[in-house]
Amino acid sequence: MNTDASLAKRIQELESAARQARLEAMRLAATIVTKSDGLLAEARSDAPGEAELVVLKARYDGLVKLAEEAQAQIDWLQAEEHSRKYHR
């Protein structure tokens, strides 16, 4: 029973981390779109905002990867939990 409880707790922790990463990624995506639109409106390739945009995109990509990895762990743990409950 202790193992089941620890699996459930780990799943909850991962779900929370994945949810936070997804929310931050959505916020960053909105910022990226807004800044991209601003840069396109200025039509300057040497705009100082481009460097910031590159950093934001890199952070976004990192968050998406983090969320995907957390989801993969969640899926594996849920399968393990199911296996322990129903296939003893």
PDB file of N, CA and C in Angstrom:
ATOM      1  N   MET A   1       0.830  -1.193   0.000  1.00  0.00           N
ATOM      2  CA  MET A   1       0.000   0.000   0.000  1.00  0.00           C
ATOM      3  C   MET A   1       0.871   1.252   0.000  1.00  0.00           C
ATOM      4  N   ASN A   2       1.991   1.221   0.702  1.00  0.00           N
ATOM      5  CA  ASN A   2       2.889   2.369   0.752  1.00  0.00           C
ATOM      6  C   ASN A   2       3.419   2.697  -0.633  1.00  0.00           C
ATOM      7  N   THR A   3       3.738   1.668  -1.416  1.00  0.00           N
ATOM      8  CA  THR A   3       4.234   1.876  -2.771  1.00  0.00           C
ATOM      9  C   THR A   3       3.158   2.513  -3.641  1.00  0.00           C
ATOM     10  N   ASP A   4       1.910   2.063  -3.481  1.00  0.00           N
ATOM     11  CA  ASP A   4       0.806   2.652  -4.232  1.00  0.00           C
ATOM     12  C   ASP A   4       0.632   4.124  -3.888  1.00  0.00           C
ATOM     13  N   ALA A   5       0.746   4.434  -2.615  1.00  0.00           N
ATOM     14  CA  ALA A   5       0.612   5.825  -2.175  1.00  0.00           C
ATOM     15  C   ALA A   5       1.752   6.675  -2.712  1.00  0.00           C
ATOM     16  N   SER A   6       2.966   6.128  -2.720  1.00  0.00           N
ATOM     17  CA  SER A   6       4.097   6.901  -3.225  1.00  0.00           C
ATOM     18  C   SER A   6       4.002   7.091  -4.737  1.00  0.00           C
ATOM     19  N   LEU A   7       3.482   6.089  -5.452  1.00  0.00           N
ATOM     20  CA  LEU A   7       3.265   6.246  -6.894  1.00  0.00           C
ATOM     21  C   LEU A   7       2.237   7.340  -7.163  1.00  0.00           C
ATOM     22  N   ALA A   8       1.146   7.305  -6.423  1.00  0.00           N
ATOM     23  CA  ALA A   8       0.103   8.316  -6.603  1.00  0.00           C
ATOM     24  C   ALA A   8       0.634   9.706  -6.295  1.00  0.00           C
ATOM     25  N   LYS A   9       1.445   9.815  -5.247  1.00  0.00           N
ATOM     26  CA  LYS A   9       2.017  11.122  -4.887  1.00  0.00           C
ATOM     27  C   LYS A   9       2.971  11.611  -5.971  1.00  0.00           C
ATOM     28  N   ARG A  10       3.790  10.715  -6.511  1.00  0.00           N
ATOM     29  CA  ARG A  10       4.734  11.085  -7.569  1.00  0.00           C
ATOM     30  C   ARG A  10       3.985  11.514  -8.826  1.00  0.00           C
ATOM     31  N   ILE A  11       2.903  10.815  -9.144  1.00  0.00           N
ATOM     32  CA  ILE A  11       2.081  11.186 -10.298  1.00  0.00           C
ATOM     33  C   ILE A  11       1.518  12.583 -10.103  1.00  0.00           C
ATOM     34  N   GLN A  12       1.013  12.873  -8.897  1.00  0.00           N
ATOM     35  CA  GLN A  12       0.479  14.207  -8.610  1.00  0.00           C
ATOM     36  C   GLN A  12       1.550  15.276  -8.763  1.00  0.00           C
ATOM     37  N   GLU A  13       2.745  15.014  -8.253  1.00  0.00           N
ATOM     38  CA  GLU A  13       3.837  15.978  -8.356  1.00  0.00           C
ATOM     39  C   GLU A  13       4.204  16.242  -9.813  1.00  0.00           C
ATOM     40  N   LEU A  14       4.286  15.177 -10.606  1.00  0.00           N
ATOM     41  CA  LEU A  14       4.617  15.328 -12.018  1.00  0.00           C
ATOM     42  C   LEU A  14       3.515  16.059 -12.783  1.00  0.00           C
ATOM     43  N   GLU A  15       2.267  15.746 -12.461  1.00  0.00           N
ATOM     44  CA  GLU A  15       1.150  16.436 -13.113  1.00  0.00           C
ATOM     45  C   GLU A  15       1.183  17.923 -12.810  1.00  0.00           C
ATOM     46  N   SER A  16       1.495  18.265 -11.570  1.00  0.00           N
ATOM     47  CA  SER A  16       1.599  19.671 -11.184  1.00  0.00           C
ATOM     48  C   SER A  16       2.744  20.364 -11.920  1.00  0.00           C
ATOM     49  N   ALA A  17       3.893  19.716 -11.996  1.00  0.00           N
ATOM     50  CA  ALA A  17       5.040  20.294 -12.701  1.00  0.00           C
ATOM     51  C   ALA A  17       4.742  20.456 -14.186  1.00  0.00           C
ATOM     52  N   ALA A  18       4.101  19.461 -14.779  1.00  0.00           N
ATOM     53  CA  ALA A  18       3.752  19.540 -16.196  1.00  0.00           C
ATOM     54  C   ALA A  18       2.744  20.658 -16.441  1.00  0.00           C
ATOM     55  N   ARG A  19       1.771  20.785 -15.549  1.00  0.00           N
ATOM     56  CA  ARG A  19       0.758  21.836 -15.682  1.00  0.00           C
ATOM     57  C   ARG A  19       1.410  23.216 -15.602  1.00  0.00           C
ATOM     58  N   GLN A  20       2.331  23.395 -14.653  1.00  0.00           N
ATOM     59  CA  GLN A  20       3.032  24.679 -14.519  1.00  0.00           C
ATOM     60  C   GLN A  20       3.870  24.982 -15.754  1.00  0.00           C
ATOM     61  N   ALA A  21       4.554  23.977 -16.284  1.00  0.00           N
ATOM     62  CA  ALA A  21       5.372  24.177 -17.483  1.00  0.00           C
ATOM     63  C   ALA A  21       4.489  24.547 -18.672  1.00  0.00           C
ATOM     64  N   ARG A  22       3.343  23.883 -18.798  1.00  0.00           N
ATOM     65  CA  ARG A  22       2.432  24.193 -19.906  1.00  0.00           C
ATOM     66  C   ARG A  22       1.879  25.615 -19.793  1.00  0.00           C
ATOM     67  N   LEU A  23       1.518  26.024 -18.576  1.00  0.00           N
ATOM     68  CA  LEU A  23       0.999  27.378 -18.382  1.00  0.00           C
ATOM     69  C   LEU A  23       2.049  28.427 -18.719  1.00  0.00           C
ATOM     70  N   GLU A  24       3.273  28.219 -18.253  1.00  0.00           N
ATOM     71  CA  GLU A  24       4.336  29.172 -18.565  1.00  0.00           C
ATOM     72  C   GLU A  24       4.623  29.175 -20.065  1.00  0.00           C
ATOM     73  N   ALA A  25       4.583  28.008 -20.694  1.00  0.00           N
ATOM     74  CA  ALA A  25       4.807  27.932 -22.140  1.00  0.00           C
ATOM     75  C   ALA A  25       3.726  28.704 -22.899  1.00  0.00           C
ATOM     76  N   MET A  26       2.479  28.616 -22.447  1.00  0.00           N
ATOM     77  CA  MET A  26       1.399  29.359 -23.096  1.00  0.00           C
ATOM     78  C   MET A  26       1.609  30.865 -22.941  1.00  0.00           C
ATOM     79  N   ARG A  27       2.025  31.289 -21.744  1.00  0.00           N
ATOM     80  CA  ARG A  27       2.300  32.713 -21.531  1.00  0.00           C
ATOM     81  C   ARG A  27       3.437  33.178 -22.440  1.00  0.00           C
ATOM     82  N   LEU A  28       4.480  32.359 -22.521  1.00  0.00           N
ATOM     83  CA  LEU A  28       5.606  32.712 -23.381  1.00  0.00           C
ATOM     84  C   LEU A  28       5.197  32.741 -24.851  1.00  0.00           C
ATOM     85  N   ALA A  29       4.366  31.812 -25.251  1.00  0.00           N
ATOM     86  CA  ALA A  29       3.900  31.792 -26.636  1.00  0.00           C
ATOM     87  C   ALA A  29       3.171  33.094 -26.964  1.00  0.00           C
ATOM     88  N   ALA A  30       2.353  33.567 -26.049  1.00  0.00           N
ATOM     89  CA  ALA A  30       1.654  34.839 -26.263  1.00  0.00           C
ATOM     90  C   ALA A  30       2.646  35.996 -26.363  1.00  0.00           C
ATOM     91  N   THR A  31       3.654  35.986 -25.510  1.00  0.00           N
ATOM     92  CA  THR A  31       4.678  37.030 -25.543  1.00  0.00           C
ATOM     93  C   THR A  31       5.455  36.968 -26.854  1.00  0.00           C
ATOM     94  N   ILE A  32       5.800  35.767 -27.280  1.00  0.00           N
ATOM     95  CA  ILE A  32       6.535  35.591 -28.532  1.00  0.00           C
ATOM     96  C   ILE A  32       5.734  36.140 -29.711  1.00  0.00           C
ATOM     97  N   VAL A  33       4.459  35.799 -29.769  1.00  0.00           N
ATOM     98  CA  VAL A  33       3.611  36.275 -30.865  1.00  0.00           C
ATOM     99  C   VAL A  33       3.529  37.808 -30.839  1.00  0.00           C
ATOM    100  N   THR A  34       3.339  38.361 -29.657  1.00  0.00           N
ATOM    101  CA  THR A  34       3.241  39.818 -29.537  1.00  0.00           C
ATOM    102  C   THR A  34       4.532  40.490 -29.985  1.00  0.00           C
ATOM    103  N   LYS A  35       5.652  39.995 -29.526  1.00  0.00           N
ATOM    104  CA  LYS A  35       6.947  40.579 -29.891  1.00  0.00           C
ATOM    105  C   LYS A  35       7.246  40.375 -31.371  1.00  0.00           C
ATOM    106  N   SER A  36       6.899  39.210 -31.898  1.00  0.00           N
ATOM    107  CA  SER A  36       7.105  38.953 -33.328  1.00  0.00           C
ATOM    108  C   SER A  36       6.298  39.933 -34.170  1.00  0.00           C
ATOM    109  N   ASP A  37       5.058  40.135 -33.773  1.00  0.00           N
ATOM    110  CA  ASP A  37       4.213  41.093 -34.485  1.00  0.00           C
ATOM    111  C   ASP A  37       4.821  42.495 -34.432  1.00  0.00           C
ATOM    112  N   GLY A  38       5.342  42.857 -33.255  1.00  0.00           N
ATOM    113  CA  GLY A  38       5.974  44.163 -33.106  1.00  0.00           C
ATOM    114  C   GLY A  38       7.198  44.298 -33.992  1.00  0.00           C
ATOM    115  N   LEU A  39       8.001  43.255 -34.078  1.00  0.00           N
ATOM    116  CA  LEU A  39       9.194  43.290 -34.930  1.00  0.00           C
ATOM    117  C   LEU A  39       8.813  43.357 -36.403  1.00  0.00           C
ATOM    118  N   LEU A  40       7.774  42.628 -36.784  1.00  0.00           N
ATOM    119  CA  LEU A  40       7.320  42.685 -38.175  1.00  0.00           C
ATOM    120  C   LEU A  40       6.794  44.070 -38.520  1.00  0.00           C
ATOM    121  N   ALA A  41       6.135  44.696 -37.573  1.00  0.00           N
ATOM    122  CA  ALA A  41       5.615  46.038 -37.806  1.00  0.00           C
ATOM    123  C   ALA A  41       6.756  47.038 -37.984  1.00  0.00           C
ATOM    124  N   GLU A  42       7.845  46.830 -37.258  1.00  0.00           N
ATOM    125  CA  GLU A  42       8.988  47.722 -37.380  1.00  0.00           C
ATOM    126  C   GLU A  42       9.782  47.425 -38.644  1.00  0.00           C
ATOM    127  N   ALA A  43       9.728  46.181 -39.113  1.00  0.00           N
ATOM    128  CA  ALA A  43      10.413  45.731 -40.324  1.00  0.00           C
ATOM    129  C   ALA A  43      11.911  46.040 -40.301  1.00  0.00           C
ATOM    130  N   ARG A  44      12.520  45.883 -39.158  1.00  0.00           N
ATOM    131  CA  ARG A  44      13.970  46.069 -39.042  1.00  0.00           C
ATOM    132  C   ARG A  44      14.576  44.750 -38.608  1.00  0.00           C
ATOM    133  N   SER A  45      15.584  44.310 -39.297  1.00  0.00           N
ATOM    134  CA  SER A  45      16.197  43.035 -38.948  1.00  0.00           C
ATOM    135  C   SER A  45      17.202  43.173 -37.822  1.00  0.00           C
ATOM    136  N   ASP A  46      17.617  44.392 -37.524  1.00  0.00           N
ATOM    137  CA  ASP A  46      18.605  44.595 -36.468  1.00  0.00           C
ATOM    138  C   ASP A  46      17.969  45.096 -35.174  1.00  0.00           C
ATOM    139  N   ALA A  47      16.668  44.911 -35.058  1.00  0.00           N
ATOM    140  CA  ALA A  47      15.949  45.396 -33.876  1.00  0.00           C
ATOM    141  C   ALA A  47      16.462  44.693 -32.626  1.00  0.00           C
ATOM    142  N   PRO A  48      16.644  45.448 -31.535  1.00  0.00           N
ATOM    143  CA  PRO A  48      17.146  44.836 -30.301  1.00  0.00           C
ATOM    144  C   PRO A  48      16.219  43.765 -29.731  1.00  0.00           C
ATOM    145  N   GLY A  49      14.963  43.800 -30.095  1.00  0.00           N
ATOM    146  CA  GLY A  49      14.010  42.814 -29.590  1.00  0.00           C
ATOM    147  C   GLY A  49      14.218  41.422 -30.151  1.00  0.00           C
ATOM    148  N   GLU A  50      14.965  41.305 -31.233  1.00  0.00           N
ATOM    149  CA  GLU A  50      15.182  39.983 -31.835  1.00  0.00           C
ATOM    150  C   GLU A  50      15.942  39.047 -30.909  1.00  0.00           C
ATOM    151  N   ALA A  51      16.939  39.570 -30.228  1.00  0.00           N
ATOM    152  CA  ALA A  51      17.709  38.737 -29.293  1.00  0.00           C
ATOM    153  C   ALA A  51      16.808  38.228 -28.175  1.00  0.00           C
ATOM    154  N   GLU A  52      15.958  39.103 -27.685  1.00  0.00           N
ATOM    155  CA  GLU A  52      15.021  38.702 -26.632  1.00  0.00           C
ATOM    156  C   GLU A  52      14.059  37.637 -27.160  1.00  0.00           C
ATOM    157  N   LEU A  53      13.644  37.794 -28.391  1.00  0.00           N
ATOM    158  CA  LEU A  53      12.739  36.834 -29.007  1.00  0.00           C
ATOM    159  C   LEU A  53      13.396  35.456 -29.111  1.00  0.00           C
ATOM    160  N   VAL A  54      14.656  35.421 -29.462  1.00  0.00           N
ATOM    161  CA  VAL A  54      15.385  34.157 -29.553  1.00  0.00           C
ATOM    162  C   VAL A  54      15.437  33.487 -28.178  1.00  0.00           C
ATOM    163  N   VAL A  55      15.699  34.277 -27.143  1.00  0.00           N
ATOM    164  CA  VAL A  55      15.755  33.741 -25.778  1.00  0.00           C
ATOM    165  C   VAL A  55      14.385  33.200 -25.364  1.00  0.00           C
ATOM    166  N   LEU A  56      13.338  33.946 -25.667  1.00  0.00           N
ATOM    167  CA  LEU A  56      11.985  33.500 -25.322  1.00  0.00           C
ATOM    168  C   LEU A  56      11.631  32.203 -26.043  1.00  0.00           C
ATOM    169  N   LYS A  57      11.984  32.106 -27.311  1.00  0.00           N
ATOM    170  CA  LYS A  57      11.700  30.878 -28.064  1.00  0.00           C
ATOM    171  C   LYS A  57      12.466  29.691 -27.490  1.00  0.00           C
ATOM    172  N   ALA A  58      13.704  29.919 -27.093  1.00  0.00           N
ATOM    173  CA  ALA A  58      14.492  28.834 -26.491  1.00  0.00           C
ATOM    174  C   ALA A  58      13.861  28.388 -25.175  1.00  0.00           C
ATOM    175  N   ARG A  59      13.423  29.345 -24.370  1.00  0.00           N
ATOM    176  CA  ARG A  59      12.770  29.010 -23.100  1.00  0.00           C
ATOM    177  C   ARG A  59      11.473  28.242 -23.361  1.00  0.00           C
ATOM    178  N   TYR A  60      10.721  28.688 -24.354  1.00  0.00           N
ATOM    179  CA  TYR A  60       9.478  28.018 -24.715  1.00  0.00           C
ATOM    180  C   TYR A  60       9.754  26.565 -25.117  1.00  0.00           C
ATOM    181  N   ASP A  61      10.732  26.370 -25.985  1.00  0.00           N
ATOM    182  CA  ASP A  61      11.086  25.012 -26.415  1.00  0.00           C
ATOM    183  C   ASP A  61      11.482  24.137 -25.229  1.00  0.00           C
ATOM    184  N   GLY A  62      12.228  24.721 -24.287  1.00  0.00           N
ATOM    185  CA  GLY A  62      12.621  23.978 -23.088  1.00  0.00           C
ATOM    186  C   GLY A  62      11.426  23.580 -22.241  1.00  0.00           C
ATOM    187  N   LEU A  63      10.476  24.490 -22.109  1.00  0.00           N
ATOM    188  CA  LEU A  63       9.274  24.198 -21.317  1.00  0.00           C
ATOM    189  C   LEU A  63       8.421  23.110 -21.984  1.00  0.00           C
ATOM    190  N   VAL A  64       8.309  23.180 -23.289  1.00  0.00           N
ATOM    191  CA  VAL A  64       7.539  22.165 -24.011  1.00  0.00           C
ATOM    192  C   VAL A  64       8.186  20.796 -23.816  1.00  0.00           C
ATOM    193  N   LYS A  65       9.509  20.753 -23.926  1.00  0.00           N
ATOM    194  CA  LYS A  65      10.218  19.488 -23.726  1.00  0.00           C
ATOM    195  C   LYS A  65      10.027  18.978 -22.301  1.00  0.00           C
ATOM    196  N   LEU A  66      10.118  19.881 -21.314  1.00  0.00           N
ATOM    197  CA  LEU A  66       9.913  19.512 -19.914  1.00  0.00           C
ATOM    198  C   LEU A  66       8.519  18.921 -19.713  1.00  0.00           C
ATOM    199  N   ALA A  67       7.509  19.576 -20.273  1.00  0.00           N
ATOM    200  CA  ALA A  67       6.133  19.093 -20.140  1.00  0.00           C
ATOM    201  C   ALA A  67       5.963  17.728 -20.809  1.00  0.00           C
ATOM    202  N   GLU A  68       6.575  17.547 -21.981  1.00  0.00           N
ATOM    203  CA  GLU A  68       6.472  16.260 -22.674  1.00  0.00           C
ATOM    204  C   GLU A  68       7.157  15.140 -21.887  1.00  0.00           C
ATOM    205  N   GLU A  69       8.318  15.437 -21.321  1.00  0.00           N
ATOM    206  CA  GLU A  69       9.031  14.431 -20.530  1.00  0.00           C
ATOM    207  C   GLU A  69       8.266  14.084 -19.259  1.00  0.00           C
ATOM    208  N   ALA A  70       7.695  15.112 -18.622  1.00  0.00           N
ATOM    209  CA  ALA A  70       6.893  14.861 -17.420  1.00  0.00           C
ATOM    210  C   ALA A  70       5.682  14.005 -17.767  1.00  0.00           C
ATOM    211  N   GLN A  71       5.043  14.283 -18.906  1.00  0.00           N
ATOM    212  CA  GLN A  71       3.882  13.499 -19.311  1.00  0.00           C
ATOM    213  C   GLN A  71       4.271  12.054 -19.588  1.00  0.00           C
ATOM    214  N   ALA A  72       5.426  11.842 -20.174  1.00  0.00           N
ATOM    215  CA  ALA A  72       5.898  10.474 -20.422  1.00  0.00           C
ATOM    216  C   ALA A  72       6.109   9.738 -19.102  1.00  0.00           C
ATOM    217  N   GLN A  73       6.672  10.424 -18.111  1.00  0.00           N
ATOM    218  CA  GLN A  73       6.861   9.805 -16.793  1.00  0.00           C
ATOM    219  C   GLN A  73       5.521   9.515 -16.132  1.00  0.00           C
ATOM    220  N   ILE A  74       4.585  10.453 -16.267  1.00  0.00           N
ATOM    221  CA  ILE A  74       3.244  10.261 -15.703  1.00  0.00           C
ATOM    222  C   ILE A  74       2.599   9.022 -16.325  1.00  0.00           C
ATOM    223  N   ASP A  75       2.670   8.931 -17.634  1.00  0.00           N
ATOM    224  CA  ASP A  75       2.075   7.776 -18.327  1.00  0.00           C
ATOM    225  C   ASP A  75       2.691   6.470 -17.839  1.00  0.00           C
ATOM    226  N   TRP A  76       4.019   6.455 -17.712  1.00  0.00           N
ATOM    227  CA  TRP A  76       4.704   5.242 -17.252  1.00  0.00           C
ATOM    228  C   TRP A  76       4.287   4.897 -15.826  1.00  0.00           C
ATOM    229  N   LEU A  77       4.241   5.899 -14.944  1.00  0.00           N
ATOM    230  CA  LEU A  77       3.865   5.647 -13.555  1.00  0.00           C
ATOM    231  C   LEU A  77       2.415   5.193 -13.436  1.00  0.00           C
ATOM    232  N   GLN A  78       1.537   5.764 -14.247  1.00  0.00           N
ATOM    233  CA  GLN A  78       0.143   5.337 -14.220  1.00  0.00           C
ATOM    234  C   GLN A  78       0.008   3.898 -14.711  1.00  0.00           C
ATOM    235  N   ALA A  79       0.798   3.535 -15.705  1.00  0.00           N
ATOM    236  CA  ALA A  79       0.780   2.143 -16.173  1.00  0.00           C
ATOM    237  C   ALA A  79       1.302   1.211 -15.089  1.00  0.00           C
ATOM    238  N   GLU A  80       2.352   1.652 -14.409  1.00  0.00           N
ATOM    239  CA  GLU A  80       2.908   0.862 -13.300  1.00  0.00           C
ATOM    240  C   GLU A  80       1.874   0.725 -12.179  1.00  0.00           C
ATOM    241  N   GLU A  81       1.217   1.822 -11.859  1.00  0.00           N
ATOM    242  CA  GLU A  81       0.185   1.808 -10.814  1.00  0.00           C
ATOM    243  C   GLU A  81      -0.942   0.849 -11.202  1.00  0.00           C
ATOM    244  N   HIS A  82      -1.378   0.923 -12.436  1.00  0.00           N
ATOM    245  CA  HIS A  82      -2.446   0.042 -12.917  1.00  0.00           C
ATOM    246  C   HIS A  82      -2.011  -1.420 -12.843  1.00  0.00           C
ATOM    247  N   SER A  83      -0.782  -1.669 -13.259  1.00  0.00           N
ATOM    248  CA  SER A  83      -0.257  -3.025 -13.234  1.00  0.00           C
ATOM    249  C   SER A  83      -0.217  -3.585 -11.827  1.00  0.00           C
ATOM    250  N   ARG A  84       0.199  -2.764 -10.883  1.00  0.00           N
ATOM    251  CA  ARG A  84       0.267  -3.228  -9.484  1.00  0.00           C
ATOM    252  C   ARG A  84      -1.120  -3.495  -8.906  1.00  0.00           C
ATOM    253  N   LYS A  85      -2.086  -2.677  -9.292  1.00  0.00           N
ATOM    254  CA  LYS A  85      -3.433  -2.842  -8.750  1.00  0.00           C
ATOM    255  C   LYS A  85      -4.145  -4.059  -9.327  1.00  0.00           C
ATOM    256  N   TYR A  86      -3.983  -4.288 -10.636  1.00  0.00           N
ATOM    257  CA  TYR A  86      -4.845  -5.268 -11.304  1.00  0.00           C
ATOM    258  C   TYR A  86      -4.137  -6.517 -11.795  1.00  0.00           C
ATOM    259  N   HIS A  87      -2.817  -6.539 -11.738  1.00  0.00           N
ATOM    260  CA  HIS A  87      -2.101  -7.696 -12.257  1.00  0.00           C
ATOM    261  C   HIS A  87      -1.110  -8.261 -11.238  1.00  0.00           C
ATOM    262  N   ARG A  88      -1.549  -8.382 -10.045  1.00  0.00           N
ATOM    263  CA  ARG A  88      -0.663  -8.876  -8.977  1.00  0.00           C
ATOM    264  C   ARG A  88      -0.411 -10.329  -9.122  1.00  0.00           C
TER     265      ARG A  88
END
